[in-house]
Amino acid sequence: MNRKIIMRIVYTGLSIMILFLAIIIYYGSLPREVEIKTHASSEAKQSTKILFVGNSLTYGQDMPNLFVKIYRLLYSDAPLVVESATGPGFTLREHLSNNKTQEALKRYNWDYVILQEGTQSAYNRPHESLESFRRLLKISASPGCKHLCVMIPADRGQFGWQARLSQFFRAIGKELNLPIVPLGDVCSFSQMRHTELNLHDPDDHHLSQAGSLLYACMAIKALKPFAPAALQDKLSKTQPDPKAGLTAYQLATLTTIAKILGEWEQEGINSPIYTQPSDDRQSTIGEYWLRHKMYDDAVSMYQQQNSAAIKLFQDRPTGALGASYWNLADAIIQQQKYGPKPAQISEIKRARDLLSTTIEIYKKSGAFNKDAIEDAEGYKRDLEEQFEIQSNK
């Protein structure tokens, strides 16, 4: 049994099925055009001018407008010019050839241009994405302009997918000297610690209002850093204003987000899970740890992710939930087979049971083809034969 082939099938099948189903359902009937919107305007000479370039991850829930409201909550006297150039499913490569985006880039001498790549390019075509970033940095390089890159969040509970995306964005940030807004990492961190905060829409792909509020906070923090405690203080003194300001729900959600940001600064921002680079710019940190025989670290992380996925999806079988069981089972198997301690039959049986659950979820979710399920069944069968344990069928 070739474990690398199995892992490749699992990750590839999962990413392609979920991503393209979302694109077909939500983008198929929409005209794919870039829309330019103004979210804040000012005639003041000292206005901070900000342009968002992206797709539905940026325009969903009217995120740039939420950005303006939170920015003004924190910095009430700061004059702003905020615009966005976004289109459904647009990648940065498509923005490069779009006349409306080009006009928006030239409209002002922007202080900040915030670039949000399309998921399919960053995950499936990283070299194309890197080149798009490189070209956009040249085209939109007005005097004094600072560029920021949004680390896009993976779908709900897709911790492995997020880890791969995060490795890519950190790598291009380093290569292009491009500051990264670590939205994806903070989304992953939040899902592992605060499953009660629903960051995604029911499609598991687009951001919910809570996710967009987090996006807005992360973007502001990248432009003009603030202490989470300062945000909490402002929120405690703010009354709901559904017409011109923030609603009661938004204020309550931002209070939770401020707490998460505080935890992120204390425990997440320096964690090797979110900072340690892999050796090929694409492997997840879990794959890297297993390859370098850091079995205990990998098992511990995958256990946390599996526990979070169970809470996130509850009884709903999804590809992401199945992947969390698979990753934990595989890490335990490698730990027991190749670790410094003798294999424990109880742990082998635990891994066998996790694989059984994986197979059951794969079948119910419909996210995997027959070959992937058969490979998972073969992995389980080989384990039972090697360690001479009875099948749990």
Protein backbone atom coordinates (compact mmCIF):
# COMPACT_ATOMS: atom_id res chain seq x y z
CA MET A 1 0.00 0.00 0.00
CA ASN A 2 1.53 3.32 -1.11
CA ARG A 3 0.54 5.90 1.49
CA LYS A 4 1.61 8.86 -0.67
CA ILE A 5 -0.73 7.77 -3.47
CA ILE A 6 -3.61 7.46 -1.02
CA MET A 7 -2.96 10.89 0.47
CA ARG A 8 -2.71 12.41 -2.99
CA ILE A 9 -6.05 10.89 -3.99
CA VAL A 10 -7.72 12.02 -0.78
CA TYR A 11 -6.56 15.65 -0.91
CA THR A 12 -6.96 16.04 -4.66
CA GLY A 13 -10.41 14.45 -4.76
CA LEU A 14 -11.62 16.43 -1.79
CA SER A 15 -10.36 19.81 -2.98
CA ILE A 16 -11.60 19.39 -6.56
CA MET A 17 -15.06 18.11 -5.65
CA ILE A 18 -15.85 20.71 -2.99
CA LEU A 19 -14.30 23.66 -4.77
CA PHE A 20 -15.83 23.12 -8.17
CA LEU A 21 -19.26 22.18 -6.82
CA ALA A 22 -19.29 25.49 -4.97
CA ILE A 23 -18.19 27.36 -8.08
CA ILE A 24 -20.79 25.68 -10.31
CA ILE A 25 -23.65 26.21 -7.89
CA TYR A 26 -22.91 29.78 -6.89
CA TYR A 27 -21.23 31.21 -9.97
CA GLY A 28 -22.74 29.26 -12.85
CA SER A 29 -25.78 31.47 -13.32
CA LEU A 30 -24.07 34.79 -12.55
CA PRO A 31 -22.55 37.16 -15.12
CA ARG A 32 -18.83 37.18 -14.45
CA GLU A 33 -18.12 40.88 -14.41
CA VAL A 34 -16.02 43.07 -12.17
CA GLU A 35 -17.99 45.58 -10.15
CA ILE A 36 -16.39 48.74 -8.78
CA LYS A 37 -17.91 49.98 -5.53
CA THR A 38 -17.22 52.97 -3.32
CA HIS A 39 -17.58 52.20 0.38
CA ALA A 40 -16.18 55.44 1.82
CA SER A 41 -15.24 58.76 0.27
CA SER A 42 -13.48 61.87 1.51
CA GLU A 43 -12.13 65.08 0.02
CA ALA A 44 -9.53 65.48 2.77
CA LYS A 45 -5.97 65.58 1.47
CA GLN A 46 -4.80 63.29 4.26
CA SER A 47 -7.36 60.61 3.50
CA THR A 48 -6.16 57.04 3.69
CA LYS A 49 -6.99 55.49 0.32
CA ILE A 50 -7.62 51.73 0.24
CA LEU A 51 -8.55 49.46 -2.67
CA PHE A 52 -9.71 45.85 -2.30
CA VAL A 53 -9.20 43.54 -5.29
CA GLY A 54 -10.75 40.08 -5.13
CA ASN A 55 -13.90 37.98 -5.52
CA SER A 56 -16.87 36.86 -3.40
CA LEU A 57 -14.64 36.17 -0.40
CA THR A 58 -14.15 39.95 -0.32
CA TYR A 59 -17.51 41.29 -1.52
CA GLY A 60 -19.57 38.68 0.37
CA GLN A 61 -21.55 40.12 3.29
CA ASP A 62 -20.43 43.54 1.99
CA MET A 63 -17.14 43.05 3.82
CA PRO A 64 -15.54 46.35 2.68
CA ASN A 65 -18.47 48.23 4.22
CA LEU A 66 -17.98 46.32 7.48
CA PHE A 67 -14.29 47.27 7.23
CA VAL A 68 -15.24 50.97 7.07
CA LYS A 69 -17.60 50.73 10.05
CA ILE A 70 -15.06 48.93 12.25
CA TYR A 71 -12.25 51.26 11.14
CA ARG A 72 -14.33 54.28 12.14
CA LEU A 73 -15.22 52.62 15.42
CA LEU A 74 -11.51 52.37 16.21
CA TYR A 75 -10.35 55.61 14.57
CA SER A 76 -13.33 57.94 14.50
CA ASP A 77 -11.56 60.96 13.03
CA ALA A 78 -9.65 59.16 10.28
CA PRO A 79 -10.79 60.23 6.76
CA LEU A 80 -11.10 57.27 4.40
CA VAL A 81 -11.45 56.48 0.72
CA VAL A 82 -12.35 52.83 0.30
CA GLU A 83 -13.21 51.13 -2.98
CA SER A 84 -13.38 47.57 -4.21
CA ALA A 85 -12.90 45.84 -7.55
CA THR A 86 -14.46 42.40 -7.26
CA GLY A 87 -16.16 39.80 -9.41
CA PRO A 88 -17.63 36.32 -8.81
CA GLY A 89 -14.95 33.66 -8.95
CA PHE A 90 -12.32 36.10 -10.21
CA THR A 91 -8.67 35.22 -9.86
CA LEU A 92 -5.90 37.80 -9.84
CA ARG A 93 -4.91 36.65 -13.30
CA GLU A 94 -8.38 37.59 -14.55
CA HIS A 95 -8.18 40.94 -12.79
CA LEU A 96 -4.92 41.61 -14.63
CA SER A 97 -6.76 41.54 -17.97
CA ASN A 98 -9.92 43.30 -16.80
CA ASN A 99 -10.37 46.92 -17.87
CA LYS A 100 -12.47 47.90 -14.86
CA THR A 101 -9.87 46.60 -12.43
CA GLN A 102 -7.12 48.40 -14.34
CA GLU A 103 -9.09 51.65 -14.20
CA ALA A 104 -9.66 51.21 -10.47
CA LEU A 105 -5.94 50.67 -9.87
CA LYS A 106 -5.20 53.96 -11.65
CA ARG A 107 -8.03 56.00 -10.11
CA TYR A 108 -5.97 57.22 -7.13
CA ASN A 109 -2.49 57.04 -5.76
CA TRP A 110 -3.61 54.33 -3.38
CA ASP A 111 -2.05 54.08 0.05
CA TYR A 112 -2.99 50.40 0.24
CA VAL A 113 -4.03 47.80 -2.32
CA ILE A 114 -5.33 44.62 -0.66
CA LEU A 115 -5.11 41.61 -2.98
CA GLN A 116 -7.31 38.54 -2.51
CA GLU A 117 -6.53 35.62 -4.79
CA GLY A 118 -9.04 33.02 -6.00
CA THR A 119 -8.99 29.71 -4.12
CA GLN A 120 -8.63 27.57 -7.22
CA SER A 121 -5.51 29.44 -8.38
CA ALA A 122 -3.79 29.45 -5.00
CA TYR A 123 -4.48 25.76 -4.37
CA ASN A 124 -4.34 24.19 -7.82
CA ARG A 125 -2.18 26.61 -9.84
CA PRO A 126 0.34 28.13 -7.39
CA HIS A 127 2.88 29.09 -10.07
CA GLU A 128 0.23 31.00 -12.00
CA SER A 129 -0.86 32.70 -8.79
CA LEU A 130 2.69 33.71 -7.90
CA GLU A 131 3.17 35.28 -11.32
CA SER A 132 -0.14 37.15 -10.97
CA PHE A 133 0.98 38.65 -7.67
CA ARG A 134 4.32 39.63 -9.18
CA ARG A 135 2.67 41.40 -12.12
CA LEU A 136 0.08 43.18 -10.00
CA LEU A 137 2.75 44.54 -7.68
CA LYS A 138 4.35 46.21 -10.68
CA ILE A 139 1.16 47.51 -12.27
CA SER A 140 -0.30 49.04 -9.11
CA ALA A 141 2.96 50.42 -7.71
CA SER A 142 1.98 54.08 -7.37
CA PRO A 143 4.28 56.23 -5.18
CA GLY A 144 3.99 55.22 -1.54
CA CYS A 145 1.52 52.43 -2.21
CA LYS A 146 1.73 49.42 0.10
CA HIS A 147 0.39 46.06 -1.00
CA LEU A 148 -1.13 43.44 1.23
CA CYS A 149 -1.99 39.85 0.38
CA VAL A 150 -4.94 38.10 2.03
CA MET A 151 -4.21 34.53 3.10
CA ILE A 152 -7.52 33.11 1.93
CA PRO A 153 -9.44 30.79 4.27
CA ALA A 154 -10.20 27.22 3.30
CA ASP A 155 -13.67 25.74 3.53
CA ARG A 156 -15.17 24.95 6.91
CA GLY A 157 -13.12 22.38 8.83
CA GLN A 158 -10.62 21.87 6.00
CA PHE A 159 -7.58 22.09 8.27
CA GLY A 160 -5.26 20.22 5.91
CA TRP A 161 -6.37 22.31 2.95
CA GLN A 162 -5.79 25.47 5.01
CA ALA A 163 -2.31 24.31 6.06
CA ARG A 164 -1.37 23.85 2.40
CA LEU A 165 -2.76 27.27 1.44
CA SER A 166 -0.98 28.90 4.38
CA GLN A 167 2.37 27.42 3.35
CA PHE A 168 1.87 28.87 -0.13
CA PHE A 169 0.97 32.36 1.06
CA ARG A 170 3.80 32.53 3.57
CA ALA A 171 6.23 31.47 0.85
CA ILE A 172 5.12 34.10 -1.66
CA GLY A 173 5.09 36.73 1.09
CA LYS A 174 8.72 35.96 1.78
CA GLU A 175 9.68 35.74 -1.89
CA LEU A 176 7.95 38.99 -2.93
CA ASN A 177 8.47 40.87 0.34
CA LEU A 178 4.68 41.12 0.49
CA PRO A 179 2.92 41.50 3.88
CA ILE A 180 0.39 38.72 4.45
CA VAL A 181 -2.94 39.19 6.22
CA PRO A 182 -3.15 35.79 7.99
CA LEU A 183 -6.92 35.46 7.72
CA GLY A 184 -6.77 31.76 6.84
CA ASP A 185 -4.60 30.90 9.84
CA VAL A 186 -6.82 32.84 12.25
CA CYS A 187 -9.93 31.17 10.78
CA SER A 188 -8.31 27.77 11.36
CA PHE A 189 -7.21 28.79 14.87
CA SER A 190 -10.73 30.01 15.66
CA GLN A 191 -12.38 26.83 14.38
CA MET A 192 -10.13 24.71 16.58
CA ARG A 193 -10.87 26.76 19.71
CA HIS A 194 -14.24 28.44 19.17
CA THR A 195 -16.46 26.14 17.15
CA GLU A 196 -19.47 28.12 18.39
CA LEU A 197 -18.46 31.02 16.11
CA ASN A 198 -19.76 30.05 12.69
CA LEU A 199 -17.37 31.57 10.15
CA HIS A 200 -18.93 30.03 7.03
CA ASP A 201 -22.18 30.10 5.13
CA PRO A 202 -24.19 26.84 4.81
CA ASP A 203 -22.23 26.01 1.62
CA ASP A 204 -19.11 25.63 3.86
CA HIS A 205 -17.15 27.76 1.39
CA HIS A 206 -18.21 31.40 1.54
CA LEU A 207 -17.72 33.43 4.68
CA SER A 208 -20.66 34.12 6.95
CA GLN A 209 -21.19 37.56 8.44
CA ALA A 210 -19.00 36.49 11.38
CA GLY A 211 -16.29 35.39 8.95
CA SER A 212 -16.50 38.69 7.09
CA LEU A 213 -16.28 40.64 10.35
CA LEU A 214 -13.11 38.69 11.15
CA TYR A 215 -11.78 39.44 7.64
CA ALA A 216 -12.45 43.17 8.16
CA CYS A 217 -10.69 43.15 11.54
CA MET A 218 -7.66 41.32 10.14
CA ALA A 219 -7.39 43.79 7.25
CA ILE A 220 -7.56 46.79 9.60
CA LYS A 221 -5.02 45.21 11.92
CA ALA A 222 -2.63 44.78 8.99
CA LEU A 223 -3.01 48.46 8.00
CA LYS A 224 -3.12 50.07 11.42
CA PRO A 225 -2.40 47.63 14.26
CA PHE A 226 -4.68 47.77 17.28
CA ALA A 227 -4.72 45.86 20.55
CA PRO A 228 -7.66 43.44 20.91
CA ALA A 229 -8.33 45.03 24.30
CA ALA A 230 -8.73 48.42 22.58
CA LEU A 231 -11.38 46.94 20.28
CA GLN A 232 -13.18 45.40 23.25
CA ASP A 233 -13.14 48.76 25.03
CA LYS A 234 -14.62 50.55 22.01
CA LEU A 235 -17.30 47.88 21.64
CA SER A 236 -18.31 48.14 25.29
CA LYS A 237 -19.03 51.85 24.79
CA THR A 238 -20.92 51.49 21.49
CA GLN A 239 -24.68 51.22 21.08
CA PRO A 240 -26.27 49.32 18.18
CA ASP A 241 -27.05 51.47 15.17
CA PRO A 242 -28.63 49.29 12.44
CA LYS A 243 -28.99 52.18 10.00
CA ALA A 244 -25.54 53.79 9.97
CA GLY A 245 -23.42 51.72 12.31
CA LEU A 246 -23.13 48.20 13.62
CA THR A 247 -26.06 46.00 14.61
CA ALA A 248 -26.41 44.31 18.00
CA TYR A 249 -25.40 40.98 16.42
CA GLN A 250 -22.32 42.52 14.82
CA LEU A 251 -21.25 44.15 18.08
CA ALA A 252 -21.66 40.86 19.98
CA THR A 253 -19.78 38.94 17.29
CA LEU A 254 -16.96 41.48 17.26
CA THR A 255 -16.64 41.05 21.03
CA THR A 256 -16.01 37.34 20.45
CA ILE A 257 -13.61 38.15 17.61
CA ALA A 258 -11.66 40.53 19.87
CA LYS A 259 -11.29 37.67 22.35
CA ILE A 260 -10.06 35.34 19.59
CA LEU A 261 -7.56 37.92 18.36
CA GLY A 262 -6.22 38.24 21.90
CA GLU A 263 -5.78 34.47 22.12
CA TRP A 264 -4.18 34.45 18.68
CA GLU A 265 -1.58 37.01 19.77
CA GLN A 266 -0.81 35.04 22.92
CA GLU A 267 -0.88 31.47 21.64
CA GLY A 268 -1.35 31.28 17.89
CA ILE A 269 0.86 33.81 16.18
CA ASN A 270 4.09 32.10 17.27
CA SER A 271 2.85 28.51 17.21
CA PRO A 272 4.81 26.21 14.87
CA ILE A 273 1.47 25.08 13.44
CA TYR A 274 1.12 28.54 11.86
CA THR A 275 4.74 29.57 11.43
CA GLN A 276 6.96 26.58 10.63
CA PRO A 277 7.66 26.26 6.89
CA SER A 278 7.62 22.91 5.18
CA ASP A 279 10.55 21.92 2.99
CA ASP A 280 8.70 22.11 -0.34
CA ARG A 281 6.37 25.13 0.07
CA GLN A 282 3.35 22.88 -0.48
CA SER A 283 3.22 20.14 2.16
CA THR A 284 1.05 20.71 5.19
CA ILE A 285 2.84 21.08 8.51
CA GLY A 286 1.42 17.72 9.56
CA GLU A 287 2.92 16.02 6.52
CA TYR A 288 6.21 17.78 7.22
CA TRP A 289 6.24 16.61 10.85
CA LEU A 290 5.52 13.02 9.88
CA ARG A 291 8.20 13.09 7.21
CA HIS A 292 10.70 14.31 9.82
CA LYS A 293 9.58 11.73 12.42
CA MET A 294 7.91 14.28 14.69
CA TYR A 295 5.12 11.79 15.30
CA ASP A 296 3.89 13.00 18.69
CA ASP A 297 3.49 16.58 17.42
CA ALA A 298 1.53 15.39 14.40
CA VAL A 299 -0.75 13.09 16.39
CA SER A 300 -1.50 15.84 18.92
CA MET A 301 -2.37 18.36 16.20
CA TYR A 302 -4.53 15.95 14.22
CA GLN A 303 -6.34 14.95 17.41
CA GLN A 304 -7.24 18.60 18.04
CA GLN A 305 -8.39 19.03 14.46
CA ASN A 306 -10.50 15.88 14.57
CA SER A 307 -12.17 16.98 17.81
CA ALA A 308 -12.91 20.40 16.29
CA ALA A 309 -14.28 18.86 13.07
CA ILE A 310 -16.65 16.65 15.06
CA LYS A 311 -18.05 19.76 16.78
CA LEU A 312 -18.15 21.78 13.56
CA PHE A 313 -20.10 19.19 11.57
CA GLN A 314 -21.81 17.24 14.36
CA ASP A 315 -23.73 14.43 12.63
CA ARG A 316 -23.32 15.81 9.10
CA PRO A 317 -20.99 13.58 7.03
CA THR A 318 -18.66 15.75 4.97
CA GLY A 319 -15.38 15.26 3.17
CA ALA A 320 -13.68 17.55 5.69
CA LEU A 321 -14.89 15.45 8.64
CA GLY A 322 -13.73 12.25 6.94
CA ALA A 323 -10.33 13.79 6.21
CA SER A 324 -9.90 14.68 9.89
CA TYR A 325 -10.40 11.02 10.86
CA TRP A 326 -8.08 9.88 8.07
CA ASN A 327 -5.26 12.24 9.07
CA LEU A 328 -5.43 11.22 12.71
CA ALA A 329 -5.49 7.51 11.84
CA ASP A 330 -2.54 7.85 9.46
CA ALA A 331 -0.48 9.81 12.02
CA ILE A 332 -1.13 7.20 14.71
CA ILE A 333 -0.19 4.37 12.34
CA GLN A 334 3.10 6.04 11.43
CA GLN A 335 3.80 6.82 15.08
CA GLN A 336 3.27 3.17 16.03
CA LYS A 337 5.12 1.71 13.04
CA TYR A 338 8.14 3.97 12.91
CA GLY A 339 8.33 5.75 16.26
CA PRO A 340 11.01 4.98 18.88
CA LYS A 341 8.63 3.02 21.13
CA PRO A 342 7.23 -0.48 20.49
CA ALA A 343 3.86 -0.48 18.78
CA GLN A 344 0.85 -0.67 21.11
CA ILE A 345 -1.97 -2.88 19.86
CA SER A 346 -4.51 -0.62 21.58
CA GLU A 347 -3.31 2.33 19.45
CA ILE A 348 -3.29 0.21 16.30
CA LYS A 349 -6.89 -0.79 16.99
CA ARG A 350 -7.74 2.85 17.62
CA ALA A 351 -6.31 3.78 14.22
CA ARG A 352 -8.22 0.87 12.65
CA ASP A 353 -11.47 2.17 14.15
CA LEU A 354 -10.70 5.69 12.92
CA LEU A 355 -10.21 4.32 9.40
CA SER A 356 -13.54 2.51 9.64
CA THR A 357 -15.22 5.79 10.55
CA THR A 358 -13.38 7.50 7.69
CA ILE A 359 -14.71 4.98 5.18
CA GLU A 360 -18.24 5.30 6.52
CA ILE A 361 -18.14 9.10 6.25
CA TYR A 362 -16.62 8.96 2.75
CA LYS A 363 -19.47 6.74 1.57
CA LYS A 364 -22.18 8.92 3.13
CA SER A 365 -20.71 12.24 2.04
CA GLY A 366 -20.40 11.39 -1.63
CA ALA A 367 -17.25 13.50 -1.78
CA PHE A 368 -14.99 10.63 -2.87
CA ASN A 369 -15.00 8.30 -5.79
CA LYS A 370 -15.02 4.51 -5.57
CA ASP A 371 -11.24 4.20 -5.97
CA ALA A 372 -10.56 6.48 -2.99
CA ILE A 373 -12.89 4.48 -0.76
CA GLU A 374 -11.32 1.21 -1.90
CA ASP A 375 -7.85 2.56 -1.15
CA ALA A 376 -8.94 3.55 2.36
CA GLU A 377 -10.41 0.08 2.84
CA GLY A 378 -7.14 -1.42 1.60
CA TYR A 379 -5.15 0.67 4.07
CA LYS A 380 -7.33 -0.64 6.89
CA ARG A 381 -7.10 -4.25 5.65
CA ASP A 382 -3.30 -4.09 5.38
CA LEU A 383 -3.12 -2.75 8.93
CA GLU A 384 -5.24 -5.60 10.27
CA GLU A 385 -3.16 -8.18 8.44
CA GLN A 386 0.19 -6.73 9.47
CA PHE A 387 -0.69 -6.61 13.16
CA GLU A 388 -2.94 -9.69 13.07
CA ILE A 389 -5.96 -7.96 14.56
CA GLN A 390 -9.53 -8.96 13.85
CA SER A 391 -11.56 -6.83 11.49
CA ASN A 392 -14.16 -4.63 13.20
CA LYS A 393 -16.74 -5.09 10.45
